[in-house]
C-alpha atoms as a PDB file:
ATOM      1  CA  MET A   1     -90.536-213.891  -8.201  1.00  0.00           C
ATOM      2  CA  THR A   2     -88.399-215.474 -10.836  1.00  0.00           C
ATOM      3  CA  ASP A   3     -84.968-214.311 -11.872  1.00  0.00           C
ATOM      4  CA  GLU A   4     -86.422-213.141 -15.160  1.00  0.00           C
ATOM      5  CA  ALA A   5     -89.043-210.999 -13.404  1.00  0.00           C
ATOM      6  CA  VAL A   6     -86.412-209.545 -11.121  1.00  0.00           C
ATOM      7  CA  LEU A   7     -84.181-208.746 -14.047  1.00  0.00           C
ATOM      8  CA  ALA A   8     -87.122-207.204 -15.934  1.00  0.00           C
ATOM      9  CA  ALA A   9     -88.031-205.097 -12.971  1.00  0.00           C
ATOM     10  CA  ARG A  10     -84.404-203.939 -12.539  1.00  0.00           C
ATOM     11  CA  LEU A  11     -84.107-203.262 -16.217  1.00  0.00           C
ATOM     12  CA  CYS A  12     -87.331-201.230 -16.152  1.00  0.00           C
ATOM     13  CA  ALA A  13     -86.011-199.213 -13.148  1.00  0.00           C
ATOM     14  CA  LEU A  14     -82.670-198.710 -14.924  1.00  0.00           C
ATOM     15  CA  HIS A  15     -84.523-197.511 -17.971  1.00  0.00           C
ATOM     16  CA  GLU A  16     -86.464-194.984 -15.855  1.00  0.00           C
ATOM     17  CA  ASP A  17     -83.223-193.810 -14.196  1.00  0.00           C
ATOM     18  CA  ILE A  18     -81.575-193.344 -17.602  1.00  0.00           C
ATOM     19  CA  SER A  19     -84.602-191.387 -18.828  1.00  0.00           C
ATOM     20  CA  ASP A  20     -84.380-189.164 -15.693  1.00  0.00           C
ATOM     21  CA  LEU A  21     -80.648-188.702 -16.351  1.00  0.00           C
ATOM     22  CA  LYS A  22     -81.265-187.685 -19.967  1.00  0.00           C
ATOM     23  CA  THR A  23     -83.822-185.105 -18.801  1.00  0.00           C
ATOM     24  CA  ASN A  24     -81.407-183.746 -16.185  1.00  0.00           C
ATOM     25  CA  VAL A  25     -78.521-183.649 -18.633  1.00  0.00           C
ATOM     26  CA  ALA A  26     -80.688-181.708 -21.089  1.00  0.00           C
ATOM     27  CA  LYS A  27     -81.537-179.255 -18.310  1.00  0.00           C
ATOM     28  CA  LEU A  28     -77.882-178.998 -17.384  1.00  0.00           C
ATOM     29  CA  ALA A  29     -76.960-178.313 -21.007  1.00  0.00           C
ATOM     30  CA  GLU A  30     -79.539-175.459 -21.145  1.00  0.00           C
ATOM     31  CA  ALA A  31     -78.139-174.009 -17.892  1.00  0.00           C
ATOM     32  CA  VAL A  32     -74.595-174.181 -19.266  1.00  0.00           C
ATOM     33  CA  GLU A  33     -75.702-172.459 -22.468  1.00  0.00           C
ATOM     34  CA  ARG A  34     -77.437-169.719 -20.436  1.00  0.00           C
ATOM     35  CA  LEU A  35     -74.325-169.315 -18.354  1.00  0.00           C
ATOM     36  CA  ALA A  36     -72.183-168.954 -21.456  1.00  0.00           C
ATOM     37  CA  ARG A  37     -74.532-166.214 -22.758  1.00  0.00           C
ATOM     38  CA  LEU A  38     -74.371-164.428 -19.409  1.00  0.00           C
ATOM     39  CA  GLU A  39     -70.605-164.685 -19.346  1.00  0.00           C
ATOM     40  CA  GLU A  40     -70.443-163.129 -22.818  1.00  0.00           C
ATOM     41  CA  ARG A  41     -72.753-160.290 -21.737  1.00  0.00           C
ATOM     42  CA  HIS A  42     -70.590-159.776 -18.687  1.00  0.00           C
ATOM     43  CA  ALA A  43     -67.461-159.638 -20.795  1.00  0.00           C
ATOM     44  CA  ASN A  44     -69.093-157.083 -23.128  1.00  0.00           C
ATOM     45  CA  THR A  45     -70.228-155.011 -20.162  1.00  0.00           C
ATOM     46  CA  ALA A  46     -66.793-155.103 -18.581  1.00  0.00           C
ATOM     47  CA  ALA A  47     -65.211-154.003 -21.880  1.00  0.00           C
ATOM     48  CA  ALA A  48     -67.722-151.108 -22.180  1.00  0.00           C
ATOM     49  CA  LEU A  49     -66.991-150.095 -18.621  1.00  0.00           C
ATOM     50  CA  ASP A  50     -63.238-150.085 -19.335  1.00  0.00           C
ATOM     51  CA  ARG A  51     -63.865-147.870 -22.368  1.00  0.00           C
ATOM     52  CA  ALA A  52     -65.971-145.506 -20.273  1.00  0.00           C
ATOM     53  CA  PHE A  53     -63.333-145.266 -17.559  1.00  0.00           C
ATOM     54  CA  SER A  54     -60.659-144.596 -20.165  1.00  0.00           C
ATOM     55  CA  ALA A  55     -62.748-141.837 -21.698  1.00  0.00           C
ATOM     56  CA  ILE A  56     -63.312-140.375 -18.245  1.00  0.00           C
ATOM     57  CA  ALA A  57     -59.585-140.396 -17.552  1.00  0.00           C
ATOM     58  CA  ARG A  58     -58.921-138.534 -20.809  1.00  0.00           C
ATOM     59  CA  LEU A  59     -61.576-135.974 -20.001  1.00  0.00           C
ATOM     60  CA  ASP A  60     -60.137-135.515 -16.533  1.00  0.00           C
ATOM     61  CA  ALA A  61     -56.733-134.752 -18.042  1.00  0.00           C
ATOM     62  CA  ARG A  62     -58.338-132.219 -20.406  1.00  0.00           C
ATOM     63  CA  ILE A  63     -60.298-130.574 -17.639  1.00  0.00           C
ATOM     64  CA  ALA A  64     -57.172-130.318 -15.469  1.00  0.00           C
ATOM     65  CA  ALA A  65     -55.297-128.607 -18.326  1.00  0.00           C
ATOM     66  CA  ILE A  66     -58.155-126.183 -18.853  1.00  0.00           C
ATOM     67  CA  GLU A  67     -58.413-125.438 -15.133  1.00  0.00           C
ATOM     68  CA  HIS A  68     -54.667-124.880 -15.047  1.00  0.00           C
ATOM     69  CA  ASP A  69     -54.845-122.314 -17.908  1.00  0.00           C
ATOM     70  CA  GLN A  70     -58.016-120.624 -16.707  1.00  0.00           C
ATOM     71  CA  PRO A  71     -56.434-117.859 -14.532  1.00  0.00           C
ATOM     72  CA  VAL A  72     -54.133-116.819 -17.388  1.00  0.00           C
ATOM     73  CA  GLN A  73     -57.132-116.866 -19.768  1.00  0.00           C
ATOM     74  CA  SER A  74     -59.177-114.662 -17.439  1.00  0.00           C
ATOM     75  CA  LEU A  75     -56.326-112.194 -17.039  1.00  0.00           C
ATOM     76  CA  ALA A  76     -55.829-111.936 -20.800  1.00  0.00           C
ATOM     77  CA  THR A  77     -59.547-111.543 -21.374  1.00  0.00           C
ATOM     78  CA  GLY A  78     -59.620-108.678 -18.807  1.00  0.00           C
ATOM     79  CA  TRP A  79     -56.733-106.976 -20.553  1.00  0.00           C
ATOM     80  CA  VAL A  80     -58.400-107.259 -23.954  1.00  0.00           C
ATOM     81  CA  MET A  81     -61.675-105.886 -22.617  1.00  0.00           C
ATOM     82  CA  ASN A  82     -59.866-102.964 -20.926  1.00  0.00           C
ATOM     83  CA  GLY A  83     -58.076-102.258 -24.216  1.00  0.00           C
ATOM     84  CA  VAL A  84     -61.358-102.340 -26.113  1.00  0.00           C
ATOM     85  CA  TRP A  85     -62.971 -99.858 -23.646  1.00  0.00           C
ATOM     86  CA  ALA A  86     -59.872 -97.605 -23.850  1.00  0.00           C
ATOM     87  CA  GLY A  87     -60.127 -97.635 -27.632  1.00  0.00           C
ATOM     88  CA  VAL A  88     -63.846 -96.758 -27.428  1.00  0.00           C
ATOM     89  CA  GLY A  89     -63.019 -93.937 -25.011  1.00  0.00           C
ATOM     90  CA  LEU A  90     -60.274 -92.604 -27.224  1.00  0.00           C
ATOM     91  CA  LEU A  91     -62.511 -92.778 -30.239  1.00  0.00           C
ATOM     92  CA  ALA A  92     -65.283 -90.933 -28.385  1.00  0.00           C
ATOM     93  CA  ALA A  93     -62.727 -88.254 -27.382  1.00  0.00           C
ATOM     94  CA  VAL A  94     -61.532 -87.866 -30.966  1.00  0.00           C
ATOM     95  CA  ILE A  95     -65.104 -87.608 -32.228  1.00  0.00           C
ATOM     96  CA  ALA A  96     -66.005 -85.089 -29.503  1.00  0.00           C
ATOM     97  CA  ARG A  97     -62.919 -82.975 -30.349  1.00  0.00           C
ATOM     98  CA  LYS A  98     -63.838 -83.039 -34.092  1.00  0.00           C
ATOM     99  CA  LEU A  99     -67.357 -81.958 -33.323  1.00  0.00           C
ATOM    100  CA  GLY A 100     -66.088 -79.178 -31.140  1.00  0.00           C
ATOM    101  CA  VAL A 101     -67.600 -80.433 -27.972  1.00  0.00           C
ATOM    102  CA  MET A 102     -64.217 -80.487 -26.219  1.00  0.00           C
END
């Protein structure tokens, strides 16, 4: 084999290697692009999760305040209902007295 034939064979092999390299670099570029999209989605999901946890924390604070005030609210509601029933009883007694039933 002459030097020219050896050089031509090596050049041909080098050309094939470079073609393979181009293909692999293109695949690598696609993978990096896909990874960038996934990273962006992950960042968006993480931000949404942070917002959800912040909302849950605010709701927990509101629920704690409501639970703290609930016994007082129940007591006041009982007083109001007892007052209403006392008023109804008093009204019934007045009406009965006017009608002469009592």
